[in-house]
Amino acid sequence: TVADCRLRRLAHSQEARSLAAAEARRKGMRAVVQRVLSASVEVEGQVVSAIGPGLLVLVGVHEADTSSDADYICRKVLNMRLFTNEKTGKAWDQSVMQRNFEVLLGNTMQLALSTSVSAMA
């Protein structure tokens, strides 16, 4: 019936909006975090940045990202409990800030690329 067709069309459009919103959320800023004993960045054989114990963070920025997205990622990385508490021995208990460790940040385009099937077509 006509009413059934309208309901199916409405459900389809709501599903499409829902999928579009989910895809928009997936395209946001992303970070890959690695605990390291040391890390460095070399350009043409010259070390341009180096750290001791801490975190190597590769960040993918999307064109729609804002400074509030960057603030969120920064807070999240600095407060992640990834290190053992040396006083208690409890694993995954302290952040890079609590341990006074360093962070080496790198930018990578691959993290911001879409991996959806429609983007690959």
PDB file of N, CA and C in Angstrom:
ATOM      1  N   THR A   1       0.831  -1.186   0.000  1.00  0.00           N
ATOM      2  CA  THR A   1       0.000   0.000   0.000  1.00  0.00           C
ATOM      3  C   THR A   1       0.877   1.251   0.000  1.00  0.00           C
ATOM      4  N   VAL A   2       0.235   2.388  -0.213  1.00  0.00           N
ATOM      5  CA  VAL A   2       0.954   3.656  -0.236  1.00  0.00           C
ATOM      6  C   VAL A   2       1.564   3.943   1.133  1.00  0.00           C
ATOM      7  N   ALA A   3       0.819   3.655   2.192  1.00  0.00           N
ATOM      8  CA  ALA A   3       1.322   3.896   3.551  1.00  0.00           C
ATOM      9  C   ALA A   3       2.549   3.035   3.826  1.00  0.00           C
ATOM     10  N   ASP A   4       2.529   1.771   3.386  1.00  0.00           N
ATOM     11  CA  ASP A   4       3.684   0.889   3.578  1.00  0.00           C
ATOM     12  C   ASP A   4       4.912   1.427   2.853  1.00  0.00           C
ATOM     13  N   CYS A   5       4.704   1.911   1.626  1.00  0.00           N
ATOM     14  CA  CYS A   5       5.817   2.475   0.854  1.00  0.00           C
ATOM     15  C   CYS A   5       6.400   3.693   1.558  1.00  0.00           C
ATOM     16  N   ARG A   6       5.528   4.555   2.078  1.00  0.00           N
ATOM     17  CA  ARG A   6       6.008   5.748   2.787  1.00  0.00           C
ATOM     18  C   ARG A   6       6.790   5.363   4.044  1.00  0.00           C
ATOM     19  N   LEU A   7       6.292   4.365   4.784  1.00  0.00           N
ATOM     20  CA  LEU A   7       6.987   3.919   5.986  1.00  0.00           C
ATOM     21  C   LEU A   7       8.350   3.331   5.638  1.00  0.00           C
ATOM     22  N   ARG A   8       8.415   2.532   4.569  1.00  0.00           N
ATOM     23  CA  ARG A   8       9.696   1.954   4.149  1.00  0.00           C
ATOM     24  C   ARG A   8      10.668   3.054   3.726  1.00  0.00           C
ATOM     25  N   ARG A   9      10.150   4.054   2.974  1.00  0.00           N
ATOM     26  CA  ARG A   9      10.979   5.162   2.542  1.00  0.00           C
ATOM     27  C   ARG A   9      11.487   5.964   3.745  1.00  0.00           C
ATOM     28  N   LEU A  10      10.614   6.200   4.715  1.00  0.00           N
ATOM     29  CA  LEU A  10      10.983   6.923   5.926  1.00  0.00           C
ATOM     30  C   LEU A  10      12.043   6.139   6.710  1.00  0.00           C
ATOM     31  N   ALA A  11      11.840   4.844   6.868  1.00  0.00           N
ATOM     32  CA  ALA A  11      12.809   4.011   7.587  1.00  0.00           C
ATOM     33  C   ALA A  11      14.150   4.021   6.865  1.00  0.00           C
ATOM     34  N   HIS A  12      14.115   3.946   5.532  1.00  0.00           N
ATOM     35  CA  HIS A  12      15.352   3.959   4.751  1.00  0.00           C
ATOM     36  C   HIS A  12      16.084   5.292   4.909  1.00  0.00           C
ATOM     37  N   SER A  13      15.337   6.407   4.868  1.00  0.00           N
ATOM     38  CA  SER A  13      15.989   7.713   4.998  1.00  0.00           C
ATOM     39  C   SER A  13      16.557   7.898   6.403  1.00  0.00           C
ATOM     40  N   GLN A  14      15.863   7.399   7.428  1.00  0.00           N
ATOM     41  CA  GLN A  14      16.387   7.482   8.791  1.00  0.00           C
ATOM     42  C   GLN A  14      17.642   6.623   8.935  1.00  0.00           C
ATOM     43  N   GLU A  15      17.629   5.452   8.320  1.00  0.00           N
ATOM     44  CA  GLU A  15      18.800   4.573   8.355  1.00  0.00           C
ATOM     45  C   GLU A  15      19.979   5.233   7.631  1.00  0.00           C
ATOM     46  N   ALA A  16      19.700   5.864   6.500  1.00  0.00           N
ATOM     47  CA  ALA A  16      20.762   6.548   5.748  1.00  0.00           C
ATOM     48  C   ALA A  16      21.357   7.690   6.571  1.00  0.00           C
ATOM     49  N   ARG A  17      20.504   8.463   7.243  1.00  0.00           N
ATOM     50  CA  ARG A  17      21.005   9.546   8.096  1.00  0.00           C
ATOM     51  C   ARG A  17      21.838   8.988   9.243  1.00  0.00           C
ATOM     52  N   SER A  18      21.382   7.884   9.804  1.00  0.00           N
ATOM     53  CA  SER A  18      22.104   7.246  10.901  1.00  0.00           C
ATOM     54  C   SER A  18      23.468   6.752  10.432  1.00  0.00           C
ATOM     55  N   LEU A  19      23.509   6.145   9.250  1.00  0.00           N
ATOM     56  CA  LEU A  19      24.778   5.661   8.696  1.00  0.00           C
ATOM     57  C   LEU A  19      25.705   6.827   8.367  1.00  0.00           C
ATOM     58  N   ALA A  20      25.150   7.914   7.840  1.00  0.00           N
ATOM     59  CA  ALA A  20      25.962   9.089   7.517  1.00  0.00           C
ATOM     60  C   ALA A  20      26.547   9.696   8.786  1.00  0.00           C
ATOM     61  N   ALA A  21      25.752   9.748   9.841  1.00  0.00           N
ATOM     62  CA  ALA A  21      26.250  10.292  11.109  1.00  0.00           C
ATOM     63  C   ALA A  21      27.350   9.407  11.677  1.00  0.00           C
ATOM     64  N   ALA A  22      27.179   8.099  11.581  1.00  0.00           N
ATOM     65  CA  ALA A  22      28.210   7.175  12.072  1.00  0.00           C
ATOM     66  C   ALA A  22      29.490   7.332  11.271  1.00  0.00           C
ATOM     67  N   GLU A  23      29.381   7.488   9.962  1.00  0.00           N
ATOM     68  CA  GLU A  23      30.570   7.677   9.114  1.00  0.00           C
ATOM     69  C   GLU A  23      31.266   8.990   9.458  1.00  0.00           C
ATOM     70  N   ALA A  24      30.493  10.042   9.722  1.00  0.00           N
ATOM     71  CA  ALA A  24      31.087  11.329  10.089  1.00  0.00           C
ATOM     72  C   ALA A  24      31.863  11.205  11.393  1.00  0.00           C
ATOM     73  N   ARG A  25      31.323  10.445  12.350  1.00  0.00           N
ATOM     74  CA  ARG A  25      32.035  10.247  13.617  1.00  0.00           C
ATOM     75  C   ARG A  25      33.329   9.466  13.407  1.00  0.00           C
ATOM     76  N   ARG A  26      33.309   8.504  12.499  1.00  0.00           N
ATOM     77  CA  ARG A  26      34.504   7.686  12.251  1.00  0.00           C
ATOM     78  C   ARG A  26      35.609   8.485  11.572  1.00  0.00           C
ATOM     79  N   LYS A  27      35.282   9.568  10.892  1.00  0.00           N
ATOM     80  CA  LYS A  27      36.274  10.333  10.144  1.00  0.00           C
ATOM     81  C   LYS A  27      37.040  11.319  11.015  1.00  0.00           C
ATOM     82  N   GLY A  28      36.739  11.379  12.297  1.00  0.00           N
ATOM     83  CA  GLY A  28      37.385  12.344  13.172  1.00  0.00           C
ATOM     84  C   GLY A  28      38.848  12.028  13.431  1.00  0.00           C
ATOM     85  N   MET A  29      39.464  12.911  14.183  1.00  0.00           N
ATOM     86  CA  MET A  29      40.863  12.781  14.552  1.00  0.00           C
ATOM     87  C   MET A  29      41.099  11.441  15.251  1.00  0.00           C
ATOM     88  N   ARG A  30      42.209  10.807  14.899  1.00  0.00           N
ATOM     89  CA  ARG A  30      42.558   9.514  15.489  1.00  0.00           C
ATOM     90  C   ARG A  30      43.996   9.543  15.942  1.00  0.00           C
ATOM     91  N   ALA A  31      44.290   8.737  16.952  1.00  0.00           N
ATOM     92  CA  ALA A  31      45.660   8.652  17.438  1.00  0.00           C
ATOM     93  C   ALA A  31      46.021   7.196  17.701  1.00  0.00           C
ATOM     94  N   VAL A  32      47.237   6.839  17.336  1.00  0.00           N
ATOM     95  CA  VAL A  32      47.808   5.537  17.679  1.00  0.00           C
ATOM     96  C   VAL A  32      48.884   5.823  18.709  1.00  0.00           C
ATOM     97  N   VAL A  33      48.786   5.157  19.861  1.00  0.00           N
ATOM     98  CA  VAL A  33      49.682   5.427  20.979  1.00  0.00           C
ATOM     99  C   VAL A  33      50.536   4.189  21.243  1.00  0.00           C
ATOM    100  N   GLN A  34      51.843   4.403  21.358  1.00  0.00           N
ATOM    101  CA  GLN A  34      52.777   3.310  21.623  1.00  0.00           C
ATOM    102  C   GLN A  34      53.662   3.686  22.805  1.00  0.00           C
ATOM    103  N   ARG A  35      53.726   2.816  23.813  1.00  0.00           N
ATOM    104  CA  ARG A  35      54.681   3.039  24.899  1.00  0.00           C
ATOM    105  C   ARG A  35      56.075   2.748  24.372  1.00  0.00           C
ATOM    106  N   VAL A  36      57.046   3.592  24.726  1.00  0.00           N
ATOM    107  CA  VAL A  36      58.412   3.410  24.228  1.00  0.00           C
ATOM    108  C   VAL A  36      59.423   3.657  25.352  1.00  0.00           C
ATOM    109  N   LEU A  37      60.583   2.996  25.223  1.00  0.00           N
ATOM    110  CA  LEU A  37      61.710   3.300  26.096  1.00  0.00           C
ATOM    111  C   LEU A  37      62.460   4.506  25.542  1.00  0.00           C
ATOM    112  N   SER A  38      62.433   4.631  24.206  1.00  0.00           N
ATOM    113  CA  SER A  38      62.996   5.800  23.526  1.00  0.00           C
ATOM    114  C   SER A  38      62.426   5.833  22.121  1.00  0.00           C
ATOM    115  N   ALA A  39      62.435   7.020  21.530  1.00  0.00           N
ATOM    116  CA  ALA A  39      61.950   7.188  20.157  1.00  0.00           C
ATOM    117  C   ALA A  39      62.591   8.444  19.591  1.00  0.00           C
ATOM    118  N   SER A  40      62.717   8.463  18.270  1.00  0.00           N
ATOM    119  CA  SER A  40      63.290   9.642  17.623  1.00  0.00           C
ATOM    120  C   SER A  40      62.723   9.798  16.228  1.00  0.00           C
ATOM    121  N   VAL A  41      62.879  11.008  15.701  1.00  0.00           N
ATOM    122  CA  VAL A  41      62.479  11.321  14.333  1.00  0.00           C
ATOM    123  C   VAL A  41      63.722  11.806  13.612  1.00  0.00           C
ATOM    124  N   GLU A  42      63.971  11.203  12.454  1.00  0.00           N
ATOM    125  CA  GLU A  42      65.112  11.612  11.636  1.00  0.00           C
ATOM    126  C   GLU A  42      64.630  12.218  10.333  1.00  0.00           C
ATOM    127  N   VAL A  43      65.293  13.285   9.898  1.00  0.00           N
ATOM    128  CA  VAL A  43      65.037  13.903   8.606  1.00  0.00           C
ATOM    129  C   VAL A  43      66.374  13.985   7.890  1.00  0.00           C
ATOM    130  N   GLU A  44      66.460  13.329   6.752  1.00  0.00           N
ATOM    131  CA  GLU A  44      67.693  13.279   5.960  1.00  0.00           C
ATOM    132  C   GLU A  44      68.895  12.867   6.808  1.00  0.00           C
ATOM    133  N   GLY A  45      68.660  11.836   7.638  1.00  0.00           N
ATOM    134  CA  GLY A  45      69.741  11.285   8.439  1.00  0.00           C
ATOM    135  C   GLY A  45      70.069  12.046   9.704  1.00  0.00           C
ATOM    136  N   GLN A  46      69.403  13.145   9.947  1.00  0.00           N
ATOM    137  CA  GLN A  46      69.653  13.955  11.141  1.00  0.00           C
ATOM    138  C   GLN A  46      68.487  13.796  12.132  1.00  0.00           C
ATOM    139  N   VAL A  47      68.806  13.531  13.392  1.00  0.00           N
ATOM    140  CA  VAL A  47      67.776  13.438  14.424  1.00  0.00           C
ATOM    141  C   VAL A  47      67.247  14.841  14.696  1.00  0.00           C
ATOM    142  N   VAL A  48      65.936  15.020  14.488  1.00  0.00           N
ATOM    143  CA  VAL A  48      65.325  16.335  14.722  1.00  0.00           C
ATOM    144  C   VAL A  48      64.538  16.378  16.028  1.00  0.00           C
ATOM    145  N   SER A  49      64.219  15.198  16.563  1.00  0.00           N
ATOM    146  CA  SER A  49      63.529  15.131  17.843  1.00  0.00           C
ATOM    147  C   SER A  49      63.741  13.751  18.439  1.00  0.00           C
ATOM    148  N   ALA A  50      63.888  13.688  19.756  1.00  0.00           N
ATOM    149  CA  ALA A  50      64.090  12.409  20.431  1.00  0.00           C
ATOM    150  C   ALA A  50      63.551  12.492  21.850  1.00  0.00           C
ATOM    151  N   ILE A  51      63.085  11.344  22.352  1.00  0.00           N
ATOM    152  CA  ILE A  51      62.612  11.260  23.740  1.00  0.00           C
ATOM    153  C   ILE A  51      63.177  10.008  24.382  1.00  0.00           C
ATOM    154  N   GLY A  52      63.132   9.998  25.703  1.00  0.00           N
ATOM    155  CA  GLY A  52      63.438   8.807  26.481  1.00  0.00           C
ATOM    156  C   GLY A  52      62.137   8.060  26.722  1.00  0.00           C
ATOM    157  N   PRO A  53      61.958   7.478  27.903  1.00  0.00           N
ATOM    158  CA  PRO A  53      60.718   6.740  28.188  1.00  0.00           C
ATOM    159  C   PRO A  53      59.490   7.632  28.035  1.00  0.00           C
ATOM    160  N   GLY A  54      58.445   7.059  27.458  1.00  0.00           N
ATOM    161  CA  GLY A  54      57.208   7.819  27.292  1.00  0.00           C
ATOM    162  C   GLY A  54      56.312   7.233  26.228  1.00  0.00           C
ATOM    163  N   LEU A  55      55.711   8.114  25.442  1.00  0.00           N
ATOM    164  CA  LEU A  55      54.747   7.709  24.419  1.00  0.00           C
ATOM    165  C   LEU A  55      55.115   8.265  23.057  1.00  0.00           C
ATOM    166  N   LEU A  56      55.014   7.413  22.059  1.00  0.00           N
ATOM    167  CA  LEU A  56      55.072   7.833  20.664  1.00  0.00           C
ATOM    168  C   LEU A  56      53.625   7.878  20.205  1.00  0.00           C
ATOM    169  N   VAL A  57      53.182   9.036  19.731  1.00  0.00           N
ATOM    170  CA  VAL A  57      51.786   9.213  19.335  1.00  0.00           C
ATOM    171  C   VAL A  57      51.734   9.648  17.878  1.00  0.00           C
ATOM    172  N   LEU A  58      51.078   8.839  17.052  1.00  0.00           N
ATOM    173  CA  LEU A  58      50.847   9.191  15.650  1.00  0.00           C
ATOM    174  C   LEU A  58      49.406   9.665  15.535  1.00  0.00           C
ATOM    175  N   VAL A  59      49.217  10.878  15.024  1.00  0.00           N
ATOM    176  CA  VAL A  59      47.888  11.484  14.957  1.00  0.00           C
ATOM    177  C   VAL A  59      47.483  11.685  13.512  1.00  0.00           C
ATOM    178  N   GLY A  60      46.262  11.289  13.201  1.00  0.00           N
ATOM    179  CA  GLY A  60      45.665  11.540  11.892  1.00  0.00           C
ATOM    180  C   GLY A  60      44.599  12.601  12.047  1.00  0.00           C
ATOM    181  N   VAL A  61      44.753  13.689  11.339  1.00  0.00           N
ATOM    182  CA  VAL A  61      43.818  14.806  11.439  1.00  0.00           C
ATOM    183  C   VAL A  61      42.939  14.830  10.193  1.00  0.00           C
ATOM    184  N   HIS A  62      41.654  14.966  10.390  1.00  0.00           N
ATOM    185  CA  HIS A  62      40.683  15.058   9.299  1.00  0.00           C
ATOM    186  C   HIS A  62      40.357  16.526   9.070  1.00  0.00           C
ATOM    187  N   GLU A  63      39.981  16.877   7.860  1.00  0.00           N
ATOM    188  CA  GLU A  63      39.720  18.284   7.528  1.00  0.00           C
ATOM    189  C   GLU A  63      38.600  18.896   8.366  1.00  0.00           C
ATOM    190  N   ALA A  64      37.701  18.070   8.883  1.00  0.00           N
ATOM    191  CA  ALA A  64      36.590  18.587   9.685  1.00  0.00           C
ATOM    192  C   ALA A  64      36.951  18.732  11.160  1.00  0.00           C
ATOM    193  N   ASP A  65      38.142  18.328  11.564  1.00  0.00           N
ATOM    194  CA  ASP A  65      38.541  18.411  12.965  1.00  0.00           C
ATOM    195  C   ASP A  65      38.710  19.869  13.407  1.00  0.00           C
ATOM    196  N   THR A  66      38.456  20.082  14.678  1.00  0.00           N
ATOM    197  CA  THR A  66      38.549  21.430  15.249  1.00  0.00           C
ATOM    198  C   THR A  66      39.595  21.441  16.368  1.00  0.00           C
ATOM    199  N   SER A  67      39.851  22.617  16.901  1.00  0.00           N
ATOM    200  CA  SER A  67      40.810  22.707  18.010  1.00  0.00           C
ATOM    201  C   SER A  67      40.283  21.972  19.240  1.00  0.00           C
ATOM    202  N   SER A  68      38.972  21.892  19.401  1.00  0.00           N
ATOM    203  CA  SER A  68      38.427  21.140  20.543  1.00  0.00           C
ATOM    204  C   SER A  68      38.687  19.646  20.367  1.00  0.00           C
ATOM    205  N   ASP A  69      38.717  19.152  19.124  1.00  0.00           N
ATOM    206  CA  ASP A  69      39.085  17.747  18.875  1.00  0.00           C
ATOM    207  C   ASP A  69      40.535  17.513  19.290  1.00  0.00           C
ATOM    208  N   ALA A  70      41.410  18.456  18.941  1.00  0.00           N
ATOM    209  CA  ALA A  70      42.824  18.343  19.310  1.00  0.00           C
ATOM    210  C   ALA A  70      42.984  18.384  20.825  1.00  0.00           C
ATOM    211  N   ASP A  71      42.248  19.265  21.493  1.00  0.00           N
ATOM    212  CA  ASP A  71      42.300  19.338  22.953  1.00  0.00           C
ATOM    213  C   ASP A  71      41.856  18.017  23.577  1.00  0.00           C
ATOM    214  N   TYR A  72      40.806  17.428  23.022  1.00  0.00           N
ATOM    215  CA  TYR A  72      40.285  16.163  23.538  1.00  0.00           C
ATOM    216  C   TYR A  72      41.340  15.060  23.416  1.00  0.00           C
ATOM    217  N   ILE A  73      41.941  14.929  22.230  1.00  0.00           N
ATOM    218  CA  ILE A  73      42.961  13.896  22.016  1.00  0.00           C
ATOM    219  C   ILE A  73      44.143  14.132  22.953  1.00  0.00           C
ATOM    220  N   CYS A  74      44.554  15.367  23.098  1.00  0.00           N
ATOM    221  CA  CYS A  74      45.676  15.709  23.975  1.00  0.00           C
ATOM    222  C   CYS A  74      45.389  15.283  25.415  1.00  0.00           C
ATOM    223  N   ARG A  75      44.230  15.677  25.933  1.00  0.00           N
ATOM    224  CA  ARG A  75      43.855  15.301  27.301  1.00  0.00           C
ATOM    225  C   ARG A  75      43.792  13.792  27.456  1.00  0.00           C
ATOM    226  N   LYS A  76      43.211  13.132  26.453  1.00  0.00           N
ATOM    227  CA  LYS A  76      43.049  11.679  26.509  1.00  0.00           C
ATOM    228  C   LYS A  76      44.410  10.990  26.571  1.00  0.00           C
ATOM    229  N   VAL A  77      45.335  11.380  25.696  1.00  0.00           N
ATOM    230  CA  VAL A  77      46.661  10.757  25.652  1.00  0.00           C
ATOM    231  C   VAL A  77      47.432  11.032  26.945  1.00  0.00           C
ATOM    232  N   LEU A  78      47.415  12.269  27.409  1.00  0.00           N
ATOM    233  CA  LEU A  78      48.181  12.619  28.601  1.00  0.00           C
ATOM    234  C   LEU A  78      47.664  11.953  29.867  1.00  0.00           C
ATOM    235  N   ASN A  79      46.388  11.571  29.866  1.00  0.00           N
ATOM    236  CA  ASN A  79      45.793  10.975  31.062  1.00  0.00           C
ATOM    237  C   ASN A  79      45.546   9.475  30.971  1.00  0.00           C
ATOM    238  N   MET A  80      45.905   8.851  29.853  1.00  0.00           N
ATOM    239  CA  MET A  80      45.744   7.399  29.734  1.00  0.00           C
ATOM    240  C   MET A  80      46.643   6.701  30.755  1.00  0.00           C
ATOM    241  N   ARG A  81      46.101   5.755  31.467  1.00  0.00           N
ATOM    242  CA  ARG A  81      46.876   5.024  32.469  1.00  0.00           C
ATOM    243  C   ARG A  81      47.531   3.824  31.791  1.00  0.00           C
ATOM    244  N   LEU A  82      48.743   4.037  31.323  1.00  0.00           N
ATOM    245  CA  LEU A  82      49.446   3.024  30.537  1.00  0.00           C
ATOM    246  C   LEU A  82      50.694   2.477  31.216  1.00  0.00           C
ATOM    247  N   PHE A  83      51.060   3.040  32.361  1.00  0.00           N
ATOM    248  CA  PHE A  83      52.327   2.685  32.983  1.00  0.00           C
ATOM    249  C   PHE A  83      52.126   2.088  34.368  1.00  0.00           C
ATOM    250  N   THR A  84      53.069   1.236  34.760  1.00  0.00           N
ATOM    251  CA  THR A  84      53.045   0.604  36.071  1.00  0.00           C
ATOM    252  C   THR A  84      53.392   1.619  37.151  1.00  0.00           C
ATOM    253  N   ASN A  85      52.669   1.540  38.263  1.00  0.00           N
ATOM    254  CA  ASN A  85      52.965   2.359  39.424  1.00  0.00           C
ATOM    255  C   ASN A  85      54.140   1.715  40.149  1.00  0.00           C
ATOM    256  N   GLU A  86      55.275   2.395  40.185  1.00  0.00           N
ATOM    257  CA  GLU A  86      56.470   1.809  40.779  1.00  0.00           C
ATOM    258  C   GLU A  86      56.346   1.626  42.290  1.00  0.00           C
ATOM    259  N   LYS A  87      55.523   2.421  42.950  1.00  0.00           N
ATOM    260  CA  LYS A  87      55.360   2.300  44.408  1.00  0.00           C
ATOM    261  C   LYS A  87      54.527   1.084  44.781  1.00  0.00           C
ATOM    262  N   THR A  88      53.450   0.851  44.036  1.00  0.00           N
ATOM    263  CA  THR A  88      52.532  -0.239  44.386  1.00  0.00           C
ATOM    264  C   THR A  88      52.731  -1.482  43.525  1.00  0.00           C
ATOM    265  N   GLY A  89      53.390  -1.324  42.383  1.00  0.00           N
ATOM    266  CA  GLY A  89      53.553  -2.441  41.451  1.00  0.00           C
ATOM    267  C   GLY A  89      52.323  -2.699  40.598  1.00  0.00           C
ATOM    268  N   LYS A  90      51.299  -1.896  40.767  1.00  0.00           N
ATOM    269  CA  LYS A  90      50.055  -2.076  40.014  1.00  0.00           C
ATOM    270  C   LYS A  90      50.267  -1.672  38.557  1.00  0.00           C
ATOM    271  N   ALA A  91      49.948  -2.600  37.648  1.00  0.00           N
ATOM    272  CA  ALA A  91      50.094  -2.342  36.213  1.00  0.00           C
ATOM    273  C   ALA A  91      48.976  -1.433  35.722  1.00  0.00           C
ATOM    274  N   TRP A  92      49.248  -0.703  34.650  1.00  0.00           N
ATOM    275  CA  TRP A  92      48.259   0.146  33.993  1.00  0.00           C
ATOM    276  C   TRP A  92      47.628   1.126  34.986  1.00  0.00           C
ATOM    277  N   ASP A  93      48.477   1.771  35.798  1.00  0.00           N
ATOM    278  CA  ASP A  93      47.965   2.593  36.876  1.00  0.00           C
ATOM    279  C   ASP A  93      48.328   4.071  36.759  1.00  0.00           C
ATOM    280  N   GLN A  94      49.364   4.408  35.992  1.00  0.00           N
ATOM    281  CA  GLN A  94      49.792   5.801  35.943  1.00  0.00           C
ATOM    282  C   GLN A  94      49.888   6.318  34.513  1.00  0.00           C
ATOM    283  N   SER A  95      49.685   7.622  34.401  1.00  0.00           N
ATOM    284  CA  SER A  95      49.745   8.282  33.096  1.00  0.00           C
ATOM    285  C   SER A  95      51.154   8.774  32.814  1.00  0.00           C
ATOM    286  N   VAL A  96      51.383   9.208  31.599  1.00  0.00           N
ATOM    287  CA  VAL A  96      52.666   9.786  31.208  1.00  0.00           C
ATOM    288  C   VAL A  96      52.961  11.034  32.041  1.00  0.00           C
ATOM    289  N   MET A  97      51.931  11.763  32.404  1.00  0.00           N
ATOM    290  CA  MET A  97      52.096  12.961  33.235  1.00  0.00           C
ATOM    291  C   MET A  97      52.538  12.576  34.652  1.00  0.00           C
ATOM    292  N   GLN A  98      51.895  11.565  35.233  1.00  0.00           N
ATOM    293  CA  GLN A  98      52.237  11.144  36.584  1.00  0.00           C
ATOM    294  C   GLN A  98      53.660  10.603  36.671  1.00  0.00           C
ATOM    295  N   ARG A  99      54.125   9.975  35.600  1.00  0.00           N
ATOM    296  CA  ARG A  99      55.473   9.418  35.594  1.00  0.00           C
ATOM    297  C   ARG A  99      56.509  10.441  35.129  1.00  0.00           C
ATOM    298  N   ASN A 100      56.051  11.611  34.706  1.00  0.00           N
ATOM    299  CA  ASN A 100      56.932  12.665  34.196  1.00  0.00           C
ATOM    300  C   ASN A 100      57.746  12.167  32.992  1.00  0.00           C
ATOM    301  N   PHE A 101      57.085  11.370  32.145  1.00  0.00           N
ATOM    302  CA  PHE A 101      57.698  10.854  30.925  1.00  0.00           C
ATOM    303  C   PHE A 101      57.472  11.853  29.795  1.00  0.00           C
ATOM    304  N   GLU A 102      58.023  11.525  28.624  1.00  0.00           N
ATOM    305  CA  GLU A 102      57.933  12.420  27.471  1.00  0.00           C
ATOM    306  C   GLU A 102      56.960  11.878  26.431  1.00  0.00           C
ATOM    307  N   VAL A 103      56.553  12.764  25.519  1.00  0.00           N
ATOM    308  CA  VAL A 103      55.668  12.398  24.413  1.00  0.00           C
ATOM    309  C   VAL A 103      56.289  12.899  23.118  1.00  0.00           C
ATOM    310  N   LEU A 104      56.384  12.004  22.141  1.00  0.00           N
ATOM    311  CA  LEU A 104      56.826  12.384  20.790  1.00  0.00           C
ATOM    312  C   LEU A 104      55.617  12.246  19.890  1.00  0.00           C
ATOM    313  N   LEU A 105      55.251  13.338  19.247  1.00  0.00           N
ATOM    314  CA  LEU A 105      54.040  13.393  18.441  1.00  0.00           C
ATOM    315  C   LEU A 105      54.397  13.443  16.965  1.00  0.00           C
ATOM    316  N   GLY A 106      53.741  12.604  16.182  1.00  0.00           N
ATOM    317  CA  GLY A 106      53.952  12.608  14.743  1.00  0.00           C
ATOM    318  C   GLY A 106      52.623  12.671  14.019  1.00  0.00           C
ATOM    319  N   ASN A 107      52.612  13.282  12.864  1.00  0.00           N
ATOM    320  CA  ASN A 107      51.408  13.400  12.052  1.00  0.00           C
ATOM    321  C   ASN A 107      51.441  12.330  10.970  1.00  0.00           C
ATOM    322  N   THR A 108      50.305  11.688  10.745  1.00  0.00           N
ATOM    323  CA  THR A 108      50.227  10.689   9.685  1.00  0.00           C
ATOM    324  C   THR A 108      48.894  10.792   8.972  1.00  0.00           C
ATOM    325  N   MET A 109      48.948  10.837   7.664  1.00  0.00           N
ATOM    326  CA  MET A 109      47.731  10.947   6.860  1.00  0.00           C
ATOM    327  C   MET A 109      46.923   9.654   6.862  1.00  0.00           C
ATOM    328  N   GLN A 110      47.591   8.505   6.959  1.00  0.00           N
ATOM    329  CA  GLN A 110      46.908   7.222   6.823  1.00  0.00           C
ATOM    330  C   GLN A 110      45.816   7.025   7.868  1.00  0.00           C
ATOM    331  N   LEU A 111      45.979   7.567   9.059  1.00  0.00           N
ATOM    332  CA  LEU A 111      44.960   7.397  10.088  1.00  0.00           C
ATOM    333  C   LEU A 111      43.676   8.139   9.762  1.00  0.00           C
ATOM    334  N   ALA A 112      43.750   9.180   8.972  1.00  0.00           N
ATOM    335  CA  ALA A 112      42.572   9.985   8.658  1.00  0.00           C
ATOM    336  C   ALA A 112      41.857   9.492   7.400  1.00  0.00           C
ATOM    337  N   LEU A 113      42.448   8.566   6.669  1.00  0.00           N
ATOM    338  CA  LEU A 113      41.831   8.082   5.444  1.00  0.00           C
ATOM    339  C   LEU A 113      40.618   7.230   5.737  1.00  0.00           C
ATOM    340  N   SER A 114      39.629   7.319   4.890  1.00  0.00           N
ATOM    341  CA  SER A 114      38.422   6.510   5.040  1.00  0.00           C
ATOM    342  C   SER A 114      38.689   5.103   4.536  1.00  0.00           C
ATOM    343  N   THR A 115      38.199   4.123   5.294  1.00  0.00           N
ATOM    344  CA  THR A 115      38.364   2.725   4.882  1.00  0.00           C
ATOM    345  C   THR A 115      37.018   2.080   4.521  1.00  0.00           C
ATOM    346  N   SER A 116      36.003   2.909   4.331  1.00  0.00           N
ATOM    347  CA  SER A 116      34.694   2.359   3.977  1.00  0.00           C
ATOM    348  C   SER A 116      34.749   1.815   2.550  1.00  0.00           C
ATOM    349  N   VAL A 117      33.879   0.860   2.265  1.00  0.00           N
ATOM    350  CA  VAL A 117      33.841   0.232   0.945  1.00  0.00           C
ATOM    351  C   VAL A 117      33.538   1.270  -0.127  1.00  0.00           C
ATOM    352  N   SER A 118      32.641   2.210   0.161  1.00  0.00           N
ATOM    353  CA  SER A 118      32.281   3.212  -0.851  1.00  0.00           C
ATOM    354  C   SER A 118      33.454   4.128  -1.171  1.00  0.00           C
ATOM    355  N   ALA A 119      34.326   4.371  -0.192  1.00  0.00           N
ATOM    356  CA  ALA A 119      35.490   5.222  -0.440  1.00  0.00           C
ATOM    357  C   ALA A 119      36.532   4.520  -1.298  1.00  0.00           C
ATOM    358  N   MET A 120      36.545   3.184  -1.245  1.00  0.00           N
ATOM    359  CA  MET A 120      37.537   2.421  -2.014  1.00  0.00           C
ATOM    360  C   MET A 120      37.080   2.188  -3.452  1.00  0.00           C
ATOM    361  N   ALA A 121      35.806   2.370  -3.707  1.00  0.00           N
ATOM    362  CA  ALA A 121      35.275   2.096  -5.051  1.00  0.00           C
ATOM    363  C   ALA A 121      35.697   3.150  -6.048  1.00  0.00           C
TER     364      ALA A 121
END
